[in-house]
Amino acid sequence: MNFSQNLRNLLFYNELKASDLSRGTGINYNTILSYLNKGCIPRVDYAVKIAVYLNVSVEYLVTGADRNEEHYDKYPTVSELKKIPKQFQSSLKKIIHELSLINKL
């Protein structure tokens, strides 16, 4: 996956909007939209701010992989999640979040 898709997935799983990310990081809203919609890559300092805010490594944010993790995506794609019946999606997001917290211990 690329930066744009990784960012989109992380926002989705954290139930955040681009405006939330902008407010939380201090990065201009239109800049966030350029990352999401135009495939732009952030400056290093912005990538760090985004990664810290989303509680992931910069490496994961940019590449979708983390040297400290096995070689699989940390989060399923949005399209994979959409295949799950809607009544289970909210619960699944919470479970994925809890598992990610356990994984960091």
PDB file of N, CA and C in Angstrom:
ATOM      1  N   MET A   1       0.830  -1.179   0.000  1.00  0.00           N
ATOM      2  CA  MET A   1       0.000   0.000   0.000  1.00  0.00           C
ATOM      3  C   MET A   1       0.877   1.245   0.000  1.00  0.00           C
ATOM      4  N   ASN A   2       0.277   2.354  -0.401  1.00  0.00           N
ATOM      5  CA  ASN A   2       1.027   3.605  -0.427  1.00  0.00           C
ATOM      6  C   ASN A   2       0.623   4.495   0.746  1.00  0.00           C
ATOM      7  N   PHE A   3       1.306   5.597   0.880  1.00  0.00           N
ATOM      8  CA  PHE A   3       1.061   6.501   2.002  1.00  0.00           C
ATOM      9  C   PHE A   3      -0.403   6.920   2.078  1.00  0.00           C
ATOM     10  N   SER A   4      -0.965   7.318   0.952  1.00  0.00           N
ATOM     11  CA  SER A   4      -2.348   7.784   0.919  1.00  0.00           C
ATOM     12  C   SER A   4      -3.314   6.724   1.445  1.00  0.00           C
ATOM     13  N   GLN A   5      -3.153   5.493   0.975  1.00  0.00           N
ATOM     14  CA  GLN A   5      -4.046   4.412   1.418  1.00  0.00           C
ATOM     15  C   GLN A   5      -3.805   4.061   2.887  1.00  0.00           C
ATOM     16  N   ASN A   6      -2.551   4.052   3.307  1.00  0.00           N
ATOM     17  CA  ASN A   6      -2.251   3.784   4.717  1.00  0.00           C
ATOM     18  C   ASN A   6      -2.903   4.836   5.607  1.00  0.00           C
ATOM     19  N   LEU A   7      -2.780   6.096   5.219  1.00  0.00           N
ATOM     20  CA  LEU A   7      -3.371   7.177   5.996  1.00  0.00           C
ATOM     21  C   LEU A   7      -4.890   7.063   6.009  1.00  0.00           C
ATOM     22  N   ARG A   8      -5.465   6.785   4.871  1.00  0.00           N
ATOM     23  CA  ARG A   8      -6.921   6.622   4.766  1.00  0.00           C
ATOM     24  C   ARG A   8      -7.401   5.491   5.686  1.00  0.00           C
ATOM     25  N   ASN A   9      -6.705   4.366   5.656  1.00  0.00           N
ATOM     26  CA  ASN A   9      -7.076   3.219   6.504  1.00  0.00           C
ATOM     27  C   ASN A   9      -6.970   3.570   7.991  1.00  0.00           C
ATOM     28  N   LEU A  10      -5.892   4.234   8.357  1.00  0.00           N
ATOM     29  CA  LEU A  10      -5.708   4.593   9.761  1.00  0.00           C
ATOM     30  C   LEU A  10      -6.782   5.565  10.242  1.00  0.00           C
ATOM     31  N   LEU A  11      -7.132   6.523   9.405  1.00  0.00           N
ATOM     32  CA  LEU A  11      -8.208   7.445   9.774  1.00  0.00           C
ATOM     33  C   LEU A  11      -9.519   6.694   9.935  1.00  0.00           C
ATOM     34  N   PHE A  12      -9.779   5.784   9.007  1.00  0.00           N
ATOM     35  CA  PHE A  12     -11.017   5.006   9.064  1.00  0.00           C
ATOM     36  C   PHE A  12     -11.096   4.187  10.355  1.00  0.00           C
ATOM     37  N   TYR A  13     -10.049   3.473  10.668  1.00  0.00           N
ATOM     38  CA  TYR A  13     -10.057   2.604  11.846  1.00  0.00           C
ATOM     39  C   TYR A  13     -10.091   3.377  13.155  1.00  0.00           C
ATOM     40  N   ASN A  14      -9.575   4.589  13.127  1.00  0.00           N
ATOM     41  CA  ASN A  14      -9.618   5.420  14.328  1.00  0.00           C
ATOM     42  C   ASN A  14     -10.847   6.326  14.347  1.00  0.00           C
ATOM     43  N   GLU A  15     -11.711   6.131  13.361  1.00  0.00           N
ATOM     44  CA  GLU A  15     -12.943   6.922  13.234  1.00  0.00           C
ATOM     45  C   GLU A  15     -12.646   8.417  13.277  1.00  0.00           C
ATOM     46  N   LEU A  16     -11.647   8.817  12.494  1.00  0.00           N
ATOM     47  CA  LEU A  16     -11.231  10.205  12.408  1.00  0.00           C
ATOM     48  C   LEU A  16     -11.494  10.739  11.010  1.00  0.00           C
ATOM     49  N   LYS A  17     -11.600  12.042  10.924  1.00  0.00           N
ATOM     50  CA  LYS A  17     -11.736  12.727   9.643  1.00  0.00           C
ATOM     51  C   LYS A  17     -10.458  13.515   9.396  1.00  0.00           C
ATOM     52  N   ALA A  18     -10.295  13.961   8.163  1.00  0.00           N
ATOM     53  CA  ALA A  18      -9.132  14.783   7.829  1.00  0.00           C
ATOM     54  C   ALA A  18      -9.072  16.014   8.724  1.00  0.00           C
ATOM     55  N   SER A  19     -10.226  16.582   9.042  1.00  0.00           N
ATOM     56  CA  SER A  19     -10.250  17.767   9.905  1.00  0.00           C
ATOM     57  C   SER A  19      -9.745  17.437  11.315  1.00  0.00           C
ATOM     58  N   ASP A  20     -10.051  16.236  11.818  1.00  0.00           N
ATOM     59  CA  ASP A  20      -9.542  15.819  13.131  1.00  0.00           C
ATOM     60  C   ASP A  20      -8.018  15.722  13.103  1.00  0.00           C
ATOM     61  N   LEU A  21      -7.497  15.121  12.040  1.00  0.00           N
ATOM     62  CA  LEU A  21      -6.049  14.975  11.900  1.00  0.00           C
ATOM     63  C   LEU A  21      -5.385  16.346  11.801  1.00  0.00           C
ATOM     64  N   SER A  22      -6.005  17.243  11.052  1.00  0.00           N
ATOM     65  CA  SER A  22      -5.471  18.596  10.914  1.00  0.00           C
ATOM     66  C   SER A  22      -5.405  19.294  12.269  1.00  0.00           C
ATOM     67  N   ARG A  23      -6.498  19.242  13.015  1.00  0.00           N
ATOM     68  CA  ARG A  23      -6.523  19.883  14.338  1.00  0.00           C
ATOM     69  C   ARG A  23      -5.530  19.220  15.292  1.00  0.00           C
ATOM     70  N   GLY A  24      -5.443  17.890  15.242  1.00  0.00           N
ATOM     71  CA  GLY A  24      -4.589  17.161  16.171  1.00  0.00           C
ATOM     72  C   GLY A  24      -3.101  17.321  15.913  1.00  0.00           C
ATOM     73  N   THR A  25      -2.750  17.605  14.667  1.00  0.00           N
ATOM     74  CA  THR A  25      -1.332  17.713  14.313  1.00  0.00           C
ATOM     75  C   THR A  25      -0.883  19.139  14.039  1.00  0.00           C
ATOM     76  N   GLY A  26      -1.843  20.026  13.808  1.00  0.00           N
ATOM     77  CA  GLY A  26      -1.497  21.395  13.434  1.00  0.00           C
ATOM     78  C   GLY A  26      -1.130  21.540  11.968  1.00  0.00           C
ATOM     79  N   ILE A  27      -1.346  20.486  11.187  1.00  0.00           N
ATOM     80  CA  ILE A  27      -1.059  20.521   9.752  1.00  0.00           C
ATOM     81  C   ILE A  27      -2.294  21.061   9.038  1.00  0.00           C
ATOM     82  N   ASN A  28      -2.090  21.955   8.092  1.00  0.00           N
ATOM     83  CA  ASN A  28      -3.186  22.569   7.353  1.00  0.00           C
ATOM     84  C   ASN A  28      -4.117  21.512   6.758  1.00  0.00           C
ATOM     85  N   TYR A  29      -5.423  21.759   6.868  1.00  0.00           N
ATOM     86  CA  TYR A  29      -6.443  20.828   6.373  1.00  0.00           C
ATOM     87  C   TYR A  29      -6.244  20.505   4.888  1.00  0.00           C
ATOM     88  N   ASN A  30      -5.971  21.508   4.080  1.00  0.00           N
ATOM     89  CA  ASN A  30      -5.774  21.268   2.643  1.00  0.00           C
ATOM     90  C   ASN A  30      -4.534  20.421   2.375  1.00  0.00           C
ATOM     91  N   THR A  31      -3.544  20.535   3.227  1.00  0.00           N
ATOM     92  CA  THR A  31      -2.350  19.700   3.098  1.00  0.00           C
ATOM     93  C   THR A  31      -2.709  18.238   3.375  1.00  0.00           C
ATOM     94  N   ILE A  32      -3.511  18.011   4.410  1.00  0.00           N
ATOM     95  CA  ILE A  32      -3.975  16.653   4.717  1.00  0.00           C
ATOM     96  C   ILE A  32      -4.762  16.101   3.533  1.00  0.00           C
ATOM     97  N   LEU A  33      -5.638  16.920   2.955  1.00  0.00           N
ATOM     98  CA  LEU A  33      -6.415  16.469   1.792  1.00  0.00           C
ATOM     99  C   LEU A  33      -5.511  16.121   0.616  1.00  0.00           C
ATOM    100  N   SER A  34      -4.418  16.849   0.453  1.00  0.00           N
ATOM    101  CA  SER A  34      -3.499  16.535  -0.654  1.00  0.00           C
ATOM    102  C   SER A  34      -2.835  15.176  -0.440  1.00  0.00           C
ATOM    103  N   TYR A  35      -2.600  14.807   0.816  1.00  0.00           N
ATOM    104  CA  TYR A  35      -2.038  13.490   1.104  1.00  0.00           C
ATOM    105  C   TYR A  35      -3.072  12.402   0.779  1.00  0.00           C
ATOM    106  N   LEU A  36      -4.311  12.672   1.130  1.00  0.00           N
ATOM    107  CA  LEU A  36      -5.369  11.670   0.941  1.00  0.00           C
ATOM    108  C   LEU A  36      -5.823  11.555  -0.508  1.00  0.00           C
ATOM    109  N   ASN A  37      -5.934  12.674  -1.212  1.00  0.00           N
ATOM    110  CA  ASN A  37      -6.581  12.666  -2.524  1.00  0.00           C
ATOM    111  C   ASN A  37      -5.643  12.817  -3.713  1.00  0.00           C
ATOM    112  N   LYS A  38      -4.479  13.396  -3.492  1.00  0.00           N
ATOM    113  CA  LYS A  38      -3.570  13.649  -4.607  1.00  0.00           C
ATOM    114  C   LYS A  38      -2.318  12.787  -4.562  1.00  0.00           C
ATOM    115  N   GLY A  39      -2.204  11.965  -3.534  1.00  0.00           N
ATOM    116  CA  GLY A  39      -1.049  11.087  -3.433  1.00  0.00           C
ATOM    117  C   GLY A  39       0.238  11.798  -3.048  1.00  0.00           C
ATOM    118  N   CYS A  40       0.126  12.998  -2.504  1.00  0.00           N
ATOM    119  CA  CYS A  40       1.324  13.720  -2.069  1.00  0.00           C
ATOM    120  C   CYS A  40       1.928  13.030  -0.845  1.00  0.00           C
ATOM    121  N   ILE A  41       3.226  13.141  -0.714  1.00  0.00           N
ATOM    122  CA  ILE A  41       3.959  12.563   0.417  1.00  0.00           C
ATOM    123  C   ILE A  41       4.370  13.710   1.340  1.00  0.00           C
ATOM    124  N   PRO A  42       4.186  13.549   2.645  1.00  0.00           N
ATOM    125  CA  PRO A  42       4.501  14.650   3.563  1.00  0.00           C
ATOM    126  C   PRO A  42       6.000  14.849   3.765  1.00  0.00           C
ATOM    127  N   ARG A  43       6.318  16.046   4.212  1.00  0.00           N
ATOM    128  CA  ARG A  43       7.680  16.308   4.670  1.00  0.00           C
ATOM    129  C   ARG A  43       7.924  15.411   5.869  1.00  0.00           C
ATOM    130  N   VAL A  44       9.165  15.188   6.210  1.00  0.00           N
ATOM    131  CA  VAL A  44       9.511  14.296   7.309  1.00  0.00           C
ATOM    132  C   VAL A  44       8.901  14.769   8.630  1.00  0.00           C
ATOM    133  N   ASP A  45       8.990  16.048   8.925  1.00  0.00           N
ATOM    134  CA  ASP A  45       8.441  16.532  10.190  1.00  0.00           C
ATOM    135  C   ASP A  45       6.929  16.352  10.261  1.00  0.00           C
ATOM    136  N   TYR A  46       6.232  16.493   9.134  1.00  0.00           N
ATOM    137  CA  TYR A  46       4.789  16.266   9.105  1.00  0.00           C
ATOM    138  C   TYR A  46       4.475  14.780   9.237  1.00  0.00           C
ATOM    139  N   ALA A  47       5.273  13.940   8.609  1.00  0.00           N
ATOM    140  CA  ALA A  47       5.067  12.489   8.731  1.00  0.00           C
ATOM    141  C   ALA A  47       5.211  12.063  10.187  1.00  0.00           C
ATOM    142  N   VAL A  48       6.170  12.645  10.887  1.00  0.00           N
ATOM    143  CA  VAL A  48       6.367  12.326  12.305  1.00  0.00           C
ATOM    144  C   VAL A  48       5.155  12.776  13.111  1.00  0.00           C
ATOM    145  N   LYS A  49       4.669  13.985  12.867  1.00  0.00           N
ATOM    146  CA  LYS A  49       3.495  14.476  13.594  1.00  0.00           C
ATOM    147  C   LYS A  49       2.284  13.563  13.368  1.00  0.00           C
ATOM    148  N   ILE A  50       2.082  13.154  12.132  1.00  0.00           N
ATOM    149  CA  ILE A  50       0.944  12.289  11.810  1.00  0.00           C
ATOM    150  C   ILE A  50       1.105  10.933  12.481  1.00  0.00           C
ATOM    151  N   ALA A  51       2.300  10.365  12.392  1.00  0.00           N
ATOM    152  CA  ALA A  51       2.551   9.051  12.996  1.00  0.00           C
ATOM    153  C   ALA A  51       2.346   9.098  14.507  1.00  0.00           C
ATOM    154  N   VAL A  52       2.837  10.124  15.148  1.00  0.00           N
ATOM    155  CA  VAL A  52       2.664  10.259  16.600  1.00  0.00           C
ATOM    156  C   VAL A  52       1.180  10.375  16.933  1.00  0.00           C
ATOM    157  N   TYR A  53       0.473  11.202  16.201  1.00  0.00           N
ATOM    158  CA  TYR A  53      -0.957  11.393  16.459  1.00  0.00           C
ATOM    159  C   TYR A  53      -1.745  10.090  16.277  1.00  0.00           C
ATOM    160  N   LEU A  54      -1.379   9.297  15.255  1.00  0.00           N
ATOM    161  CA  LEU A  54      -2.092   8.052  14.967  1.00  0.00           C
ATOM    162  C   LEU A  54      -1.499   6.848  15.701  1.00  0.00           C
ATOM    163  N   ASN A  55      -0.434   7.089  16.463  1.00  0.00           N
ATOM    164  CA  ASN A  55       0.189   6.044  17.277  1.00  0.00           C
ATOM    165  C   ASN A  55       0.726   4.879  16.438  1.00  0.00           C
ATOM    166  N   VAL A  56       1.398   5.216  15.346  1.00  0.00           N
ATOM    167  CA  VAL A  56       2.061   4.221  14.502  1.00  0.00           C
ATOM    168  C   VAL A  56       3.465   4.724  14.206  1.00  0.00           C
ATOM    169  N   SER A  57       4.300   3.859  13.662  1.00  0.00           N
ATOM    170  CA  SER A  57       5.641   4.305  13.270  1.00  0.00           C
ATOM    171  C   SER A  57       5.561   5.059  11.942  1.00  0.00           C
ATOM    172  N   VAL A  58       6.519   5.927  11.703  1.00  0.00           N
ATOM    173  CA  VAL A  58       6.598   6.617  10.419  1.00  0.00           C
ATOM    174  C   VAL A  58       6.790   5.592   9.311  1.00  0.00           C
ATOM    175  N   GLU A  59       7.584   4.575   9.600  1.00  0.00           N
ATOM    176  CA  GLU A  59       7.813   3.528   8.603  1.00  0.00           C
ATOM    177  C   GLU A  59       6.502   2.867   8.196  1.00  0.00           C
ATOM    178  N   TYR A  60       5.666   2.539   9.173  1.00  0.00           N
ATOM    179  CA  TYR A  60       4.375   1.929   8.842  1.00  0.00           C
ATOM    180  C   TYR A  60       3.500   2.902   8.065  1.00  0.00           C
ATOM    181  N   LEU A  61       3.473   4.136   8.480  1.00  0.00           N
ATOM    182  CA  LEU A  61       2.654   5.140   7.819  1.00  0.00           C
ATOM    183  C   LEU A  61       3.032   5.286   6.346  1.00  0.00           C
ATOM    184  N   VAL A  62       4.321   5.288   6.065  1.00  0.00           N
ATOM    185  CA  VAL A  62       4.795   5.504   4.699  1.00  0.00           C
ATOM    186  C   VAL A  62       4.755   4.235   3.855  1.00  0.00           C
ATOM    187  N   THR A  63       5.140   3.101   4.444  1.00  0.00           N
ATOM    188  CA  THR A  63       5.296   1.885   3.644  1.00  0.00           C
ATOM    189  C   THR A  63       4.219   0.839   3.878  1.00  0.00           C
ATOM    190  N   GLY A  64       3.543   0.918   4.995  1.00  0.00           N
ATOM    191  CA  GLY A  64       2.567  -0.124   5.343  1.00  0.00           C
ATOM    192  C   GLY A  64       3.216  -1.305   6.035  1.00  0.00           C
ATOM    193  N   ALA A  65       4.518  -1.218   6.263  1.00  0.00           N
ATOM    194  CA  ALA A  65       5.254  -2.307   6.929  1.00  0.00           C
ATOM    195  C   ALA A  65       6.061  -1.705   8.070  1.00  0.00           C
ATOM    196  N   ASP A  66       6.386  -2.550   9.009  1.00  0.00           N
ATOM    197  CA  ASP A  66       7.172  -2.110  10.155  1.00  0.00           C
ATOM    198  C   ASP A  66       8.226  -3.178  10.419  1.00  0.00           C
ATOM    199  N   ARG A  67       9.463  -2.782  10.531  1.00  0.00           N
ATOM    200  CA  ARG A  67      10.532  -3.757  10.760  1.00  0.00           C
ATOM    201  C   ARG A  67      10.285  -4.602  11.992  1.00  0.00           C
ATOM    202  N   ASN A  68       9.602  -4.049  12.970  1.00  0.00           N
ATOM    203  CA  ASN A  68       9.354  -4.759  14.213  1.00  0.00           C
ATOM    204  C   ASN A  68       8.140  -5.680  14.129  1.00  0.00           C
ATOM    205  N   GLU A  69       7.454  -5.669  13.019  1.00  0.00           N
ATOM    206  CA  GLU A  69       6.267  -6.499  12.833  1.00  0.00           C
ATOM    207  C   GLU A  69       6.569  -7.567  11.798  1.00  0.00           C
ATOM    208  N   GLU A  70       5.761  -8.607  11.807  1.00  0.00           N
ATOM    209  CA  GLU A  70       5.875  -9.591  10.746  1.00  0.00           C
ATOM    210  C   GLU A  70       5.442  -8.930   9.449  1.00  0.00           C
ATOM    211  N   HIS A  71       5.681  -9.590   8.327  1.00  0.00           N
ATOM    212  CA  HIS A  71       5.378  -9.002   7.031  1.00  0.00           C
ATOM    213  C   HIS A  71       3.922  -9.215   6.645  1.00  0.00           C
ATOM    214  N   TYR A  72       3.049  -8.559   7.336  1.00  0.00           N
ATOM    215  CA  TYR A  72       1.643  -8.507   6.973  1.00  0.00           C
ATOM    216  C   TYR A  72       1.137  -7.141   7.376  1.00  0.00           C
ATOM    217  N   ASP A  73       0.069  -6.720   6.744  1.00  0.00           N
ATOM    218  CA  ASP A  73      -0.471  -5.400   7.055  1.00  0.00           C
ATOM    219  C   ASP A  73      -1.016  -5.379   8.470  1.00  0.00           C
ATOM    220  N   LYS A  74      -0.739  -4.309   9.156  1.00  0.00           N
ATOM    221  CA  LYS A  74      -1.195  -4.145  10.524  1.00  0.00           C
ATOM    222  C   LYS A  74      -2.715  -4.064  10.569  1.00  0.00           C
ATOM    223  N   TYR A  75      -3.288  -3.452   9.571  1.00  0.00           N
ATOM    224  CA  TYR A  75      -4.729  -3.290   9.498  1.00  0.00           C
ATOM    225  C   TYR A  75      -5.218  -3.816   8.156  1.00  0.00           C
ATOM    226  N   PRO A  76      -6.382  -4.454   8.138  1.00  0.00           N
ATOM    227  CA  PRO A  76      -6.940  -4.842   6.841  1.00  0.00           C
ATOM    228  C   PRO A  76      -7.337  -3.588   6.064  1.00  0.00           C
ATOM    229  N   THR A  77      -7.503  -3.737   4.775  1.00  0.00           N
ATOM    230  CA  THR A  77      -7.889  -2.591   3.965  1.00  0.00           C
ATOM    231  C   THR A  77      -9.348  -2.249   4.209  1.00  0.00           C
ATOM    232  N   VAL A  78      -9.709  -1.040   3.844  1.00  0.00           N
ATOM    233  CA  VAL A  78     -11.093  -0.600   3.986  1.00  0.00           C
ATOM    234  C   VAL A  78     -12.015  -1.500   3.174  1.00  0.00           C
ATOM    235  N   SER A  79     -11.581  -1.877   1.975  1.00  0.00           N
ATOM    236  CA  SER A  79     -12.428  -2.735   1.139  1.00  0.00           C
ATOM    237  C   SER A  79     -12.656  -4.097   1.792  1.00  0.00           C
ATOM    238  N   GLU A  80     -11.666  -4.611   2.507  1.00  0.00           N
ATOM    239  CA  GLU A  80     -11.851  -5.875   3.225  1.00  0.00           C
ATOM    240  C   GLU A  80     -12.839  -5.715   4.367  1.00  0.00           C
ATOM    241  N   LEU A  81     -12.751  -4.602   5.074  1.00  0.00           N
ATOM    242  CA  LEU A  81     -13.658  -4.365   6.186  1.00  0.00           C
ATOM    243  C   LEU A  81     -15.093  -4.185   5.701  1.00  0.00           C
ATOM    244  N   LYS A  82     -15.260  -3.572   4.546  1.00  0.00           N
ATOM    245  CA  LYS A  82     -16.606  -3.343   4.010  1.00  0.00           C
ATOM    246  C   LYS A  82     -17.320  -4.644   3.656  1.00  0.00           C
ATOM    247  N   LYS A  83     -16.584  -5.714   3.487  1.00  0.00           N
ATOM    248  CA  LYS A  83     -17.188  -7.018   3.182  1.00  0.00           C
ATOM    249  C   LYS A  83     -17.852  -7.636   4.409  1.00  0.00           C
ATOM    250  N   ILE A  84     -17.486  -7.152   5.576  1.00  0.00           N
ATOM    251  CA  ILE A  84     -18.049  -7.662   6.825  1.00  0.00           C
ATOM    252  C   ILE A  84     -19.403  -6.995   7.030  1.00  0.00           C
ATOM    253  N   PRO A  85     -20.414  -7.746   7.453  1.00  0.00           N
ATOM    254  CA  PRO A  85     -21.738  -7.141   7.661  1.00  0.00           C
ATOM    255  C   PRO A  85     -21.650  -5.913   8.567  1.00  0.00           C
ATOM    256  N   LYS A  86     -22.412  -4.888   8.202  1.00  0.00           N
ATOM    257  CA  LYS A  86     -22.339  -3.599   8.894  1.00  0.00           C
ATOM    258  C   LYS A  86     -22.567  -3.692  10.391  1.00  0.00           C
ATOM    259  N   GLN A  87     -23.428  -4.590  10.830  1.00  0.00           N
ATOM    260  CA  GLN A  87     -23.716  -4.659  12.267  1.00  0.00           C
ATOM    261  C   GLN A  87     -22.504  -5.098  13.084  1.00  0.00           C
ATOM    262  N   PHE A  88     -21.472  -5.673  12.428  1.00  0.00           N
ATOM    263  CA  PHE A  88     -20.279  -6.127  13.137  1.00  0.00           C
ATOM    264  C   PHE A  88     -19.090  -5.180  12.984  1.00  0.00           C
ATOM    265  N   GLN A  89     -19.178  -4.215  12.091  1.00  0.00           N
ATOM    266  CA  GLN A  89     -18.024  -3.379  11.777  1.00  0.00           C
ATOM    267  C   GLN A  89     -17.540  -2.545  12.959  1.00  0.00           C
ATOM    268  N   SER A  90     -18.440  -1.952  13.707  1.00  0.00           N
ATOM    269  CA  SER A  90     -18.028  -1.133  14.848  1.00  0.00           C
ATOM    270  C   SER A  90     -17.315  -1.979  15.898  1.00  0.00           C
ATOM    271  N   SER A  91     -17.876  -3.147  16.174  1.00  0.00           N
ATOM    272  CA  SER A  91     -17.247  -4.050  17.150  1.00  0.00           C
ATOM    273  C   SER A  91     -15.886  -4.512  16.663  1.00  0.00           C
ATOM    274  N   LEU A  92     -15.782  -4.797  15.384  1.00  0.00           N
ATOM    275  CA  LEU A  92     -14.524  -5.255  14.818  1.00  0.00           C
ATOM    276  C   LEU A  92     -13.452  -4.175  14.926  1.00  0.00           C
ATOM    277  N   LYS A  93     -13.806  -2.926  14.676  1.00  0.00           N
ATOM    278  CA  LYS A  93     -12.840  -1.833  14.792  1.00  0.00           C
ATOM    279  C   LYS A  93     -12.312  -1.751  16.220  1.00  0.00           C
ATOM    280  N   LYS A  94     -13.200  -1.919  17.201  1.00  0.00           N
ATOM    281  CA  LYS A  94     -12.772  -1.877  18.607  1.00  0.00           C
ATOM    282  C   LYS A  94     -11.842  -3.041  18.929  1.00  0.00           C
ATOM    283  N   ILE A  95     -12.143  -4.217  18.421  1.00  0.00           N
ATOM    284  CA  ILE A  95     -11.302  -5.394  18.653  1.00  0.00           C
ATOM    285  C   ILE A  95      -9.919  -5.186  18.037  1.00  0.00           C
ATOM    286  N   ILE A  96      -9.883  -4.680  16.811  1.00  0.00           N
ATOM    287  CA  ILE A  96      -8.603  -4.436  16.135  1.00  0.00           C
ATOM    288  C   ILE A  96      -7.778  -3.433  16.932  1.00  0.00           C
ATOM    289  N   HIS A  97      -8.445  -2.404  17.425  1.00  0.00           N
ATOM    290  CA  HIS A  97      -7.731  -1.397  18.226  1.00  0.00           C
ATOM    291  C   HIS A  97      -7.163  -2.027  19.499  1.00  0.00           C
ATOM    292  N   GLU A  98      -7.963  -2.816  20.192  1.00  0.00           N
ATOM    293  CA  GLU A  98      -7.503  -3.472  21.419  1.00  0.00           C
ATOM    294  C   GLU A  98      -6.334  -4.414  21.138  1.00  0.00           C
ATOM    295  N   LEU A  99      -6.412  -5.157  20.045  1.00  0.00           N
ATOM    296  CA  LEU A  99      -5.314  -6.057  19.688  1.00  0.00           C
ATOM    297  C   LEU A  99      -4.048  -5.287  19.387  1.00  0.00           C
ATOM    298  N   SER A 100      -4.182  -4.132  18.745  1.00  0.00           N
ATOM    299  CA  SER A 100      -2.986  -3.337  18.446  1.00  0.00           C
ATOM    300  C   SER A 100      -2.357  -2.830  19.742  1.00  0.00           C
ATOM    301  N   LEU A 101      -3.166  -2.520  20.750  1.00  0.00           N
ATOM    302  CA  LEU A 101      -2.616  -2.078  22.034  1.00  0.00           C
ATOM    303  C   LEU A 101      -1.887  -3.213  22.734  1.00  0.00           C
ATOM    304  N   ILE A 102      -2.443  -4.413  22.681  1.00  0.00           N
ATOM    305  CA  ILE A 102      -1.798  -5.587  23.283  1.00  0.00           C
ATOM    306  C   ILE A 102      -0.469  -5.864  22.594  1.00  0.00           C
ATOM    307  N   ASN A 103      -0.450  -5.716  21.273  1.00  0.00           N
ATOM    308  CA  ASN A 103       0.752  -5.978  20.489  1.00  0.00           C
ATOM    309  C   ASN A 103       1.898  -5.045  20.877  1.00  0.00           C
ATOM    310  N   LYS A 104       1.590  -3.871  21.409  1.00  0.00           N
ATOM    311  CA  LYS A 104       2.625  -2.902  21.772  1.00  0.00           C
ATOM    312  C   LYS A 104       3.223  -3.169  23.141  1.00  0.00           C
ATOM    313  N   LEU A 105       2.635  -4.079  23.920  1.00  0.00           N
ATOM    314  CA  LEU A 105       3.154  -4.376  25.265  1.00  0.00           C
ATOM    315  C   LEU A 105       4.497  -5.065  25.218  1.00  0.00           C
TER     316      LEU A 105
END
